[in-house]
């Protein structure tokens, strides 16, 4: 399946249109979507979205995982929520 970049931009603009603060607060978006961050040190990926359990697993929560979490959110908004996605 070819990526639909126009759809991605449209969804991203809709998500952040009412957020005035910069940088964007990913924790706010996670909370609004009912998603939680869980540290799971024994995984191979840096980040894993588990949409069925509304969880984003990160390998190390001590570092700044904003990039990986943003990728997970992209999967959350753009793809079916019936399987896990690596970020």
PDB file of N, CA and C in Angstrom:
ATOM      1  N   UNK A   1       0.845  -1.181   0.000  1.00  0.00           N
ATOM      2  CA  UNK A   1       0.000   0.000   0.000  1.00  0.00           C
ATOM      3  C   UNK A   1       0.891   1.245   0.000  1.00  0.00           C
ATOM      4  N   UNK A   2       0.611   2.143  -0.906  1.00  0.00           N
ATOM      5  CA  UNK A   2       1.384   3.380  -1.034  1.00  0.00           C
ATOM      6  C   UNK A   2       0.944   4.388   0.034  1.00  0.00           C
ATOM      7  N   UNK A   3       1.913   5.073   0.673  1.00  0.00           N
ATOM      8  CA  UNK A   3       1.554   6.057   1.702  1.00  0.00           C
ATOM      9  C   UNK A   3       0.710   7.190   1.124  1.00  0.00           C
ATOM     10  N   UNK A   4      -0.279   7.610   1.880  1.00  0.00           N
ATOM     11  CA  UNK A   4      -1.136   8.722   1.478  1.00  0.00           C
ATOM     12  C   UNK A   4      -0.698   9.954   2.277  1.00  0.00           C
ATOM     13  N   UNK A   5       0.278  10.682   1.725  1.00  0.00           N
ATOM     14  CA  UNK A   5       0.857  11.817   2.439  1.00  0.00           C
ATOM     15  C   UNK A   5      -0.144  12.953   2.633  1.00  0.00           C
ATOM     16  N   UNK A   6      -1.027  13.155   1.665  1.00  0.00           N
ATOM     17  CA  UNK A   6      -2.043  14.202   1.810  1.00  0.00           C
ATOM     18  C   UNK A   6      -2.954  13.906   2.996  1.00  0.00           C
ATOM     19  N   UNK A   7      -3.343  12.645   3.137  1.00  0.00           N
ATOM     20  CA  UNK A   7      -4.180  12.244   4.277  1.00  0.00           C
ATOM     21  C   UNK A   7      -3.424  12.455   5.586  1.00  0.00           C
ATOM     22  N   UNK A   8      -2.148  12.102   5.601  1.00  0.00           N
ATOM     23  CA  UNK A   8      -1.337  12.270   6.816  1.00  0.00           C
ATOM     24  C   UNK A   8      -1.265  13.738   7.223  1.00  0.00           C
ATOM     25  N   UNK A   9      -1.045  14.616   6.256  1.00  0.00           N
ATOM     26  CA  UNK A   9      -0.976  16.057   6.551  1.00  0.00           C
ATOM     27  C   UNK A   9      -2.323  16.557   7.058  1.00  0.00           C
ATOM     28  N   UNK A  10      -3.393  16.127   6.421  1.00  0.00           N
ATOM     29  CA  UNK A  10      -4.740  16.544   6.828  1.00  0.00           C
ATOM     30  C   UNK A  10      -5.042  16.113   8.268  1.00  0.00           C
ATOM     31  N   UNK A  11      -4.717  14.881   8.601  1.00  0.00           N
ATOM     32  CA  UNK A  11      -4.961  14.382   9.963  1.00  0.00           C
ATOM     33  C   UNK A  11      -4.101  15.127  10.970  1.00  0.00           C
ATOM     34  N   UNK A  12      -2.833  15.343  10.642  1.00  0.00           N
ATOM     35  CA  UNK A  12      -1.930  16.057  11.561  1.00  0.00           C
ATOM     36  C   UNK A  12      -2.432  17.479  11.819  1.00  0.00           C
ATOM     37  N   UNK A  13      -2.860  18.161  10.782  1.00  0.00           N
ATOM     38  CA  UNK A  13      -3.377  19.528  10.953  1.00  0.00           C
ATOM     39  C   UNK A  13      -4.632  19.539  11.818  1.00  0.00           C
ATOM     40  N   UNK A  14      -5.494  18.551  11.646  1.00  0.00           N
ATOM     41  CA  UNK A  14      -6.713  18.465  12.450  1.00  0.00           C
ATOM     42  C   UNK A  14      -6.379  18.232  13.928  1.00  0.00           C
ATOM     43  N   UNK A  15      -5.386  17.388  14.184  1.00  0.00           N
ATOM     44  CA  UNK A  15      -5.006  17.063  15.561  1.00  0.00           C
ATOM     45  C   UNK A  15      -4.472  18.289  16.299  1.00  0.00           C
ATOM     46  N   UNK A  16      -3.641  19.065  15.624  1.00  0.00           N
ATOM     47  CA  UNK A  16      -2.949  20.166  16.309  1.00  0.00           C
ATOM     48  C   UNK A  16      -3.622  21.526  16.142  1.00  0.00           C
ATOM     49  N   UNK A  17      -4.737  21.597  15.436  1.00  0.00           N
ATOM     50  CA  UNK A  17      -5.340  22.908  15.152  1.00  0.00           C
ATOM     51  C   UNK A  17      -5.747  23.671  16.416  1.00  0.00           C
ATOM     52  N   UNK A  18      -6.113  22.979  17.467  1.00  0.00           N
ATOM     53  CA  UNK A  18      -6.524  23.651  18.694  1.00  0.00           C
ATOM     54  C   UNK A  18      -5.440  23.689  19.761  1.00  0.00           C
ATOM     55  N   UNK A  19      -4.248  23.220  19.418  1.00  0.00           N
ATOM     56  CA  UNK A  19      -3.130  23.267  20.366  1.00  0.00           C
ATOM     57  C   UNK A  19      -2.274  24.470  20.017  1.00  0.00           C
ATOM     58  N   UNK A  20      -2.269  25.455  20.895  1.00  0.00           N
ATOM     59  CA  UNK A  20      -1.551  26.710  20.629  1.00  0.00           C
ATOM     60  C   UNK A  20      -0.112  26.674  21.108  1.00  0.00           C
ATOM     61  N   UNK A  21       0.178  25.810  22.100  1.00  0.00           N
ATOM     62  CA  UNK A  21       1.523  25.765  22.660  1.00  0.00           C
ATOM     63  C   UNK A  21       2.481  25.087  21.689  1.00  0.00           C
ATOM     64  N   UNK A  22       3.686  25.565  21.661  1.00  0.00           N
ATOM     65  CA  UNK A  22       4.756  24.933  20.886  1.00  0.00           C
ATOM     66  C   UNK A  22       5.948  24.750  21.793  1.00  0.00           C
ATOM     67  N   UNK A  23       6.642  23.645  21.748  1.00  0.00           N
ATOM     68  CA  UNK A  23       6.391  22.504  20.879  1.00  0.00           C
ATOM     69  C   UNK A  23       5.104  21.782  21.276  1.00  0.00           C
ATOM     70  N   UNK A  24       4.606  20.988  20.365  1.00  0.00           N
ATOM     71  CA  UNK A  24       3.377  20.219  20.580  1.00  0.00           C
ATOM     72  C   UNK A  24       3.582  19.274  21.763  1.00  0.00           C
ATOM     73  N   UNK A  25       2.601  19.233  22.647  1.00  0.00           N
ATOM     74  CA  UNK A  25       2.658  18.362  23.822  1.00  0.00           C
ATOM     75  C   UNK A  25       2.114  16.977  23.453  1.00  0.00           C
ATOM     76  N   UNK A  26       3.035  16.048  23.185  1.00  0.00           N
ATOM     77  CA  UNK A  26       2.617  14.697  22.802  1.00  0.00           C
ATOM     78  C   UNK A  26       1.835  14.003  23.904  1.00  0.00           C
ATOM     79  N   UNK A  27       2.168  14.299  25.159  1.00  0.00           N
ATOM     80  CA  UNK A  27       1.445  13.675  26.273  1.00  0.00           C
ATOM     81  C   UNK A  27      -0.030  14.063  26.249  1.00  0.00           C
ATOM     82  N   UNK A  28      -0.312  15.268  25.840  1.00  0.00           N
ATOM     83  CA  UNK A  28      -1.701  15.719  25.730  1.00  0.00           C
ATOM     84  C   UNK A  28      -2.445  14.911  24.666  1.00  0.00           C
ATOM     85  N   UNK A  29      -1.810  14.726  23.511  1.00  0.00           N
ATOM     86  CA  UNK A  29      -2.438  13.955  22.440  1.00  0.00           C
ATOM     87  C   UNK A  29      -2.625  12.510  22.880  1.00  0.00           C
ATOM     88  N   UNK A  30      -1.612  11.943  23.531  1.00  0.00           N
ATOM     89  CA  UNK A  30      -1.732  10.572  24.035  1.00  0.00           C
ATOM     90  C   UNK A  30      -2.915  10.449  24.988  1.00  0.00           C
ATOM     91  N   UNK A  31      -3.022  11.399  25.901  1.00  0.00           N
ATOM     92  CA  UNK A  31      -4.106  11.381  26.883  1.00  0.00           C
ATOM     93  C   UNK A  31      -5.470  11.494  26.188  1.00  0.00           C
ATOM     94  N   UNK A  32      -5.576  12.398  25.236  1.00  0.00           N
ATOM     95  CA  UNK A  32      -6.842  12.581  24.516  1.00  0.00           C
ATOM     96  C   UNK A  32      -7.250  11.325  23.753  1.00  0.00           C
ATOM     97  N   UNK A  33      -6.278  10.547  23.331  1.00  0.00           N
ATOM     98  CA  UNK A  33      -6.551   9.321  22.577  1.00  0.00           C
ATOM     99  C   UNK A  33      -6.673   8.093  23.479  1.00  0.00           C
ATOM    100  N   UNK A  34      -6.435   8.275  24.779  1.00  0.00           N
ATOM    101  CA  UNK A  34      -6.526   7.161  25.712  1.00  0.00           C
ATOM    102  C   UNK A  34      -5.337   6.218  25.627  1.00  0.00           C
ATOM    103  N   UNK A  35      -4.211   6.707  25.098  1.00  0.00           N
ATOM    104  CA  UNK A  35      -3.005   5.892  24.948  1.00  0.00           C
ATOM    105  C   UNK A  35      -2.082   6.083  26.149  1.00  0.00           C
ATOM    106  N   UNK A  36      -1.308   5.051  26.453  1.00  0.00           N
ATOM    107  CA  UNK A  36      -0.353   5.143  27.560  1.00  0.00           C
ATOM    108  C   UNK A  36       1.017   4.675  27.089  1.00  0.00           C
ATOM    109  N   UNK A  37       2.042   5.195  27.744  1.00  0.00           N
ATOM    110  CA  UNK A  37       3.427   4.825  27.453  1.00  0.00           C
ATOM    111  C   UNK A  37       3.873   3.827  28.516  1.00  0.00           C
ATOM    112  N   UNK A  38       4.467   2.727  28.061  1.00  0.00           N
ATOM    113  CA  UNK A  38       4.959   1.689  28.962  1.00  0.00           C
ATOM    114  C   UNK A  38       6.404   1.375  28.592  1.00  0.00           C
ATOM    115  N   UNK A  39       7.284   1.341  29.583  1.00  0.00           N
ATOM    116  CA  UNK A  39       8.675   0.965  29.344  1.00  0.00           C
ATOM    117  C   UNK A  39       8.779  -0.551  29.287  1.00  0.00           C
ATOM    118  N   UNK A  40       9.434  -1.031  28.241  1.00  0.00           N
ATOM    119  CA  UNK A  40       9.639  -2.475  28.060  1.00  0.00           C
ATOM    120  C   UNK A  40      11.066  -2.663  27.538  1.00  0.00           C
ATOM    121  N   UNK A  41      11.989  -2.839  28.442  1.00  0.00           N
ATOM    122  CA  UNK A  41      13.406  -2.862  28.095  1.00  0.00           C
ATOM    123  C   UNK A  41      13.837  -4.077  27.269  1.00  0.00           C
ATOM    124  N   UNK A  42      13.086  -5.158  27.301  1.00  0.00           N
ATOM    125  CA  UNK A  42      13.519  -6.397  26.651  1.00  0.00           C
ATOM    126  C   UNK A  42      13.005  -6.559  25.215  1.00  0.00           C
ATOM    127  N   UNK A  43      12.677  -5.467  24.542  1.00  0.00           N
ATOM    128  CA  UNK A  43      12.213  -5.589  23.162  1.00  0.00           C
ATOM    129  C   UNK A  43      13.297  -5.121  22.193  1.00  0.00           C
ATOM    130  N   UNK A  44      13.200  -5.552  20.946  1.00  0.00           N
ATOM    131  CA  UNK A  44      14.186  -5.195  19.929  1.00  0.00           C
ATOM    132  C   UNK A  44      13.938  -3.806  19.348  1.00  0.00           C
ATOM    133  N   UNK A  45      12.684  -3.413  19.242  1.00  0.00           N
ATOM    134  CA  UNK A  45      12.328  -2.122  18.667  1.00  0.00           C
ATOM    135  C   UNK A  45      12.579  -1.001  19.671  1.00  0.00           C
ATOM    136  N   UNK A  46      12.760   0.211  19.166  1.00  0.00           N
ATOM    137  CA  UNK A  46      12.831   1.373  20.056  1.00  0.00           C
ATOM    138  C   UNK A  46      11.448   1.693  20.602  1.00  0.00           C
ATOM    139  N   UNK A  47      10.429   1.355  19.800  1.00  0.00           N
ATOM    140  CA  UNK A  47       9.064   1.727  20.136  1.00  0.00           C
ATOM    141  C   UNK A  47       8.115   0.754  19.436  1.00  0.00           C
ATOM    142  N   UNK A  48       7.000   0.443  20.090  1.00  0.00           N
ATOM    143  CA  UNK A  48       6.014  -0.467  19.512  1.00  0.00           C
ATOM    144  C   UNK A  48       4.617   0.020  19.891  1.00  0.00           C
ATOM    145  N   UNK A  49       3.778   0.212  18.877  1.00  0.00           N
ATOM    146  CA  UNK A  49       2.384   0.582  19.119  1.00  0.00           C
ATOM    147  C   UNK A  49       1.553  -0.682  19.199  1.00  0.00           C
ATOM    148  N   UNK A  50       0.830  -0.836  20.302  1.00  0.00           N
ATOM    149  CA  UNK A  50      -0.116  -1.946  20.495  1.00  0.00           C
ATOM    150  C   UNK A  50      -1.506  -1.319  20.573  1.00  0.00           C
ATOM    151  N   UNK A  51      -2.163  -1.127  19.425  1.00  0.00           N
ATOM    152  CA  UNK A  51      -3.440  -0.416  19.429  1.00  0.00           C
ATOM    153  C   UNK A  51      -4.564  -1.148  20.152  1.00  0.00           C
ATOM    154  N   UNK A  52      -4.512  -2.457  20.175  1.00  0.00           N
ATOM    155  CA  UNK A  52      -5.569  -3.216  20.835  1.00  0.00           C
ATOM    156  C   UNK A  52      -5.595  -2.905  22.333  1.00  0.00           C
ATOM    157  N   UNK A  53      -4.410  -2.761  22.937  1.00  0.00           N
ATOM    158  CA  UNK A  53      -4.310  -2.431  24.364  1.00  0.00           C
ATOM    159  C   UNK A  53      -4.078  -0.941  24.620  1.00  0.00           C
ATOM    160  N   UNK A  54      -4.182  -0.141  23.558  1.00  0.00           N
ATOM    161  CA  UNK A  54      -3.986   1.312  23.638  1.00  0.00           C
ATOM    162  C   UNK A  54      -2.678   1.660  24.359  1.00  0.00           C
ATOM    163  N   UNK A  55      -1.590   0.992  23.944  1.00  0.00           N
ATOM    164  CA  UNK A  55      -0.291   1.169  24.584  1.00  0.00           C
ATOM    165  C   UNK A  55       0.793   1.441  23.553  1.00  0.00           C
ATOM    166  N   UNK A  56       1.739   2.281  23.944  1.00  0.00           N
ATOM    167  CA  UNK A  56       2.958   2.484  23.181  1.00  0.00           C
ATOM    168  C   UNK A  56       4.088   2.047  24.094  1.00  0.00           C
ATOM    169  N   UNK A  57       4.799   1.018  23.666  1.00  0.00           N
ATOM    170  CA  UNK A  57       5.920   0.507  24.446  1.00  0.00           C
ATOM    171  C   UNK A  57       7.195   1.188  23.962  1.00  0.00           C
ATOM    172  N   UNK A  58       7.988   1.697  24.887  1.00  0.00           N
ATOM    173  CA  UNK A  58       9.286   2.280  24.559  1.00  0.00           C
ATOM    174  C   UNK A  58      10.356   1.500  25.296  1.00  0.00           C
ATOM    175  N   UNK A  59      11.514   1.421  24.668  1.00  0.00           N
ATOM    176  CA  UNK A  59      12.600   0.649  25.248  1.00  0.00           C
ATOM    177  C   UNK A  59      13.206   1.353  26.464  1.00  0.00           C
ATOM    178  N   UNK A  60      13.295   2.667  26.406  1.00  0.00           N
ATOM    179  CA  UNK A  60      13.933   3.430  27.482  1.00  0.00           C
ATOM    180  C   UNK A  60      13.198   4.749  27.661  1.00  0.00           C
ATOM    181  N   UNK A  61      12.467   4.882  28.741  1.00  0.00           N
ATOM    182  CA  UNK A  61      11.677   6.086  28.961  1.00  0.00           C
ATOM    183  C   UNK A  61      12.513   7.241  29.511  1.00  0.00           C
ATOM    184  N   UNK A  62      13.768   6.968  29.861  1.00  0.00           N
ATOM    185  CA  UNK A  62      14.614   8.038  30.390  1.00  0.00           C
ATOM    186  C   UNK A  62      15.081   8.995  29.309  1.00  0.00           C
ATOM    187  N   UNK A  63      15.188   8.526  28.075  1.00  0.00           N
ATOM    188  CA  UNK A  63      15.621   9.419  27.005  1.00  0.00           C
ATOM    189  C   UNK A  63      14.407  10.070  26.348  1.00  0.00           C
ATOM    190  N   UNK A  64      14.672  11.048  25.517  1.00  0.00           N
ATOM    191  CA  UNK A  64      13.588  11.728  24.812  1.00  0.00           C
ATOM    192  C   UNK A  64      13.117  10.840  23.665  1.00  0.00           C
ATOM    193  N   UNK A  65      11.925  10.313  23.777  1.00  0.00           N
ATOM    194  CA  UNK A  65      11.352   9.411  22.774  1.00  0.00           C
ATOM    195  C   UNK A  65      10.333  10.117  21.888  1.00  0.00           C
ATOM    196  N   UNK A  66      10.390  11.427  21.816  1.00  0.00           N
ATOM    197  CA  UNK A  66       9.364  12.175  21.082  1.00  0.00           C
ATOM    198  C   UNK A  66       9.231  11.725  19.641  1.00  0.00           C
ATOM    199  N   UNK A  67      10.357  11.494  18.964  1.00  0.00           N
ATOM    200  CA  UNK A  67      10.310  11.090  17.568  1.00  0.00           C
ATOM    201  C   UNK A  67       9.602   9.747  17.417  1.00  0.00           C
ATOM    202  N   UNK A  68       9.993   8.771  18.225  1.00  0.00           N
ATOM    203  CA  UNK A  68       9.381   7.450  18.142  1.00  0.00           C
ATOM    204  C   UNK A  68       7.899   7.484  18.510  1.00  0.00           C
ATOM    205  N   UNK A  69       7.561   8.273  19.523  1.00  0.00           N
ATOM    206  CA  UNK A  69       6.159   8.380  19.944  1.00  0.00           C
ATOM    207  C   UNK A  69       5.327   9.051  18.855  1.00  0.00           C
ATOM    208  N   UNK A  70       5.890  10.069  18.196  1.00  0.00           N
ATOM    209  CA  UNK A  70       5.178  10.726  17.096  1.00  0.00           C
ATOM    210  C   UNK A  70       4.931   9.736  15.950  1.00  0.00           C
ATOM    211  N   UNK A  71       5.905   8.873  15.668  1.00  0.00           N
ATOM    212  CA  UNK A  71       5.715   7.853  14.638  1.00  0.00           C
ATOM    213  C   UNK A  71       4.596   6.887  15.050  1.00  0.00           C
ATOM    214  N   UNK A  72       4.596   6.485  16.308  1.00  0.00           N
ATOM    215  CA  UNK A  72       3.538   5.598  16.809  1.00  0.00           C
ATOM    216  C   UNK A  72       2.171   6.256  16.666  1.00  0.00           C
ATOM    217  N   UNK A  73       2.087   7.549  16.972  1.00  0.00           N
ATOM    218  CA  UNK A  73       0.822   8.263  16.812  1.00  0.00           C
ATOM    219  C   UNK A  73       0.401   8.297  15.344  1.00  0.00           C
ATOM    220  N   UNK A  74       1.358   8.447  14.453  1.00  0.00           N
ATOM    221  CA  UNK A  74       1.042   8.396  13.026  1.00  0.00           C
ATOM    222  C   UNK A  74       0.403   7.068  12.647  1.00  0.00           C
ATOM    223  N   UNK A  75       0.983   5.972  13.154  1.00  0.00           N
ATOM    224  CA  UNK A  75       0.385   4.655  12.910  1.00  0.00           C
ATOM    225  C   UNK A  75      -1.013   4.589  13.511  1.00  0.00           C
ATOM    226  N   UNK A  76      -1.187   5.134  14.708  1.00  0.00           N
ATOM    227  CA  UNK A  76      -2.476   5.128  15.401  1.00  0.00           C
ATOM    228  C   UNK A  76      -3.562   5.792  14.547  1.00  0.00           C
ATOM    229  N   UNK A  77      -3.228   6.954  13.967  1.00  0.00           N
ATOM    230  CA  UNK A  77      -4.224   7.709  13.216  1.00  0.00           C
ATOM    231  C   UNK A  77      -4.410   7.229  11.778  1.00  0.00           C
ATOM    232  N   UNK A  78      -3.394   6.604  11.188  1.00  0.00           N
ATOM    233  CA  UNK A  78      -3.451   6.303   9.765  1.00  0.00           C
ATOM    234  C   UNK A  78      -3.785   4.859   9.410  1.00  0.00           C
ATOM    235  N   UNK A  79      -3.616   3.932  10.338  1.00  0.00           N
ATOM    236  CA  UNK A  79      -3.737   2.522   9.998  1.00  0.00           C
ATOM    237  C   UNK A  79      -4.850   1.835  10.792  1.00  0.00           C
ATOM    238  N   UNK A  80      -5.286   0.681  10.309  1.00  0.00           N
ATOM    239  CA  UNK A  80      -6.246  -0.110  11.088  1.00  0.00           C
ATOM    240  C   UNK A  80      -5.644  -0.456  12.451  1.00  0.00           C
ATOM    241  N   UNK A  81      -6.471  -0.602  13.415  1.00  0.00           N
ATOM    242  CA  UNK A  81      -6.010  -0.835  14.793  1.00  0.00           C
ATOM    243  C   UNK A  81      -6.127  -2.296  15.194  1.00  0.00           C
ATOM    244  N   UNK A  82      -5.789  -3.181  14.249  1.00  0.00           N
ATOM    245  CA  UNK A  82      -5.923  -4.604  14.518  1.00  0.00           C
ATOM    246  C   UNK A  82      -4.595  -5.344  14.644  1.00  0.00           C
ATOM    247  N   UNK A  83      -3.481  -4.614  14.559  1.00  0.00           N
ATOM    248  CA  UNK A  83      -2.166  -5.253  14.713  1.00  0.00           C
ATOM    249  C   UNK A  83      -1.168  -4.264  15.270  1.00  0.00           C
ATOM    250  N   UNK A  84      -0.036  -4.758  15.761  1.00  0.00           N
ATOM    251  CA  UNK A  84       1.020  -3.925  16.312  1.00  0.00           C
ATOM    252  C   UNK A  84       1.866  -3.312  15.200  1.00  0.00           C
ATOM    253  N   UNK A  85       2.466  -2.143  15.491  1.00  0.00           N
ATOM    254  CA  UNK A  85       3.338  -1.459  14.543  1.00  0.00           C
ATOM    255  C   UNK A  85       4.633  -1.068  15.243  1.00  0.00           C
ATOM    256  N   UNK A  86       5.761  -1.385  14.613  1.00  0.00           N
ATOM    257  CA  UNK A  86       7.057  -0.947  15.117  1.00  0.00           C
ATOM    258  C   UNK A  86       7.283   0.496  14.697  1.00  0.00           C
ATOM    259  N   UNK A  87       7.974   1.233  15.565  1.00  0.00           N
ATOM    260  CA  UNK A  87       8.285   2.617  15.242  1.00  0.00           C
ATOM    261  C   UNK A  87       9.785   2.811  15.224  1.00  0.00           C
TER     262      UNK A  87
END
